[in-house]
Amino acid sequence: MDQRNRDPRKPILSDGDKPIPEDIYPVIDTDLARDNLENNIPAADLEDL
């Protein structure tokens, strides 16, 4: 890949992993937020496990 044409917001990955497409991030954020609310993650973080 030509470094001059690379998008500086996207990391250079040397291990072969592909970055998550930007159009997927809202879905991931929504799922994580819903899971945190459903599982009461903030309260669990305050407890000694």
C-alpha atoms as a PDB file:
ATOM      1  CA  MET A   1       0.000   0.000   0.000  1.00  0.00           C
ATOM      2  CA  ASP A   2       1.259   3.465  -0.862  1.00  0.00           C
ATOM      3  CA  GLN A   3       1.718   5.367   2.418  1.00  0.00           C
ATOM      4  CA  ARG A   4       0.939   8.713   0.742  1.00  0.00           C
ATOM      5  CA  ASN A   5      -2.591   7.597  -0.140  1.00  0.00           C
ATOM      6  CA  ARG A   6      -3.304   5.873   3.190  1.00  0.00           C
ATOM      7  CA  ASP A   7      -6.135   7.199   5.373  1.00  0.00           C
ATOM      8  CA  PRO A   8      -4.366   8.425   8.559  1.00  0.00           C
ATOM      9  CA  ARG A   9      -7.428   7.547  10.679  1.00  0.00           C
ATOM     10  CA  LYS A  10      -7.056   3.856   9.931  1.00  0.00           C
ATOM     11  CA  PRO A  11      -4.226   1.970  11.643  1.00  0.00           C
ATOM     12  CA  ILE A  12      -1.613   0.041   9.742  1.00  0.00           C
ATOM     13  CA  LEU A  13      -2.145  -3.607  10.598  1.00  0.00           C
ATOM     14  CA  SER A  14       0.834  -5.885  10.247  1.00  0.00           C
ATOM     15  CA  ASP A  15      -0.728  -9.101  11.567  1.00  0.00           C
ATOM     16  CA  GLY A  16      -3.257  -9.555   8.761  1.00  0.00           C
ATOM     17  CA  ASP A  17      -6.335  -8.421  10.690  1.00  0.00           C
ATOM     18  CA  LYS A  18      -8.748  -6.201   8.835  1.00  0.00           C
ATOM     19  CA  PRO A  19     -10.161  -3.062  10.465  1.00  0.00           C
ATOM     20  CA  ILE A  20     -13.864  -3.051  11.290  1.00  0.00           C
ATOM     21  CA  PRO A  21     -15.771  -1.106   8.596  1.00  0.00           C
ATOM     22  CA  GLU A  22     -16.995   2.280   9.796  1.00  0.00           C
ATOM     23  CA  ASP A  23     -20.607   1.490   8.854  1.00  0.00           C
ATOM     24  CA  ILE A  24     -20.550  -1.392  11.374  1.00  0.00           C
ATOM     25  CA  TYR A  25     -19.422   0.688  14.389  1.00  0.00           C
ATOM     26  CA  PRO A  26     -22.909   2.068  15.212  1.00  0.00           C
ATOM     27  CA  VAL A  27     -24.285  -1.482  15.349  1.00  0.00           C
ATOM     28  CA  ILE A  28     -21.459  -2.627  17.622  1.00  0.00           C
ATOM     29  CA  ASP A  29     -21.856   0.405  19.889  1.00  0.00           C
ATOM     30  CA  THR A  30     -25.598  -0.190  20.145  1.00  0.00           C
ATOM     31  CA  ASP A  31     -25.159  -3.890  20.925  1.00  0.00           C
ATOM     32  CA  LEU A  32     -22.523  -3.194  23.568  1.00  0.00           C
ATOM     33  CA  ALA A  33     -24.625  -0.494  25.186  1.00  0.00           C
ATOM     34  CA  ARG A  34     -27.680  -2.753  25.242  1.00  0.00           C
ATOM     35  CA  ASP A  35     -25.660  -5.619  26.724  1.00  0.00           C
ATOM     36  CA  ASN A  36     -24.249  -3.323  29.394  1.00  0.00           C
ATOM     37  CA  LEU A  37     -27.733  -2.183  30.359  1.00  0.00           C
ATOM     38  CA  GLU A  38     -29.243  -5.665  30.288  1.00  0.00           C
ATOM     39  CA  ASN A  39     -26.412  -7.212  32.280  1.00  0.00           C
ATOM     40  CA  ASN A  40     -26.003  -4.244  34.630  1.00  0.00           C
ATOM     41  CA  ILE A  41     -22.285  -4.105  33.851  1.00  0.00           C
ATOM     42  CA  PRO A  42     -21.679  -0.774  35.642  1.00  0.00           C
ATOM     43  CA  ALA A  43     -22.956  -2.282  38.918  1.00  0.00           C
ATOM     44  CA  ALA A  44     -20.846  -5.400  38.411  1.00  0.00           C
ATOM     45  CA  ASP A  45     -17.765  -3.233  37.885  1.00  0.00           C
ATOM     46  CA  LEU A  46     -18.301  -1.733  41.336  1.00  0.00           C
ATOM     47  CA  GLU A  47     -18.410  -5.131  43.045  1.00  0.00           C
ATOM     48  CA  ASP A  48     -15.402  -7.157  44.152  1.00  0.00           C
ATOM     49  CA  LEU A  49     -15.617 -10.329  42.134  1.00  0.00           C
END
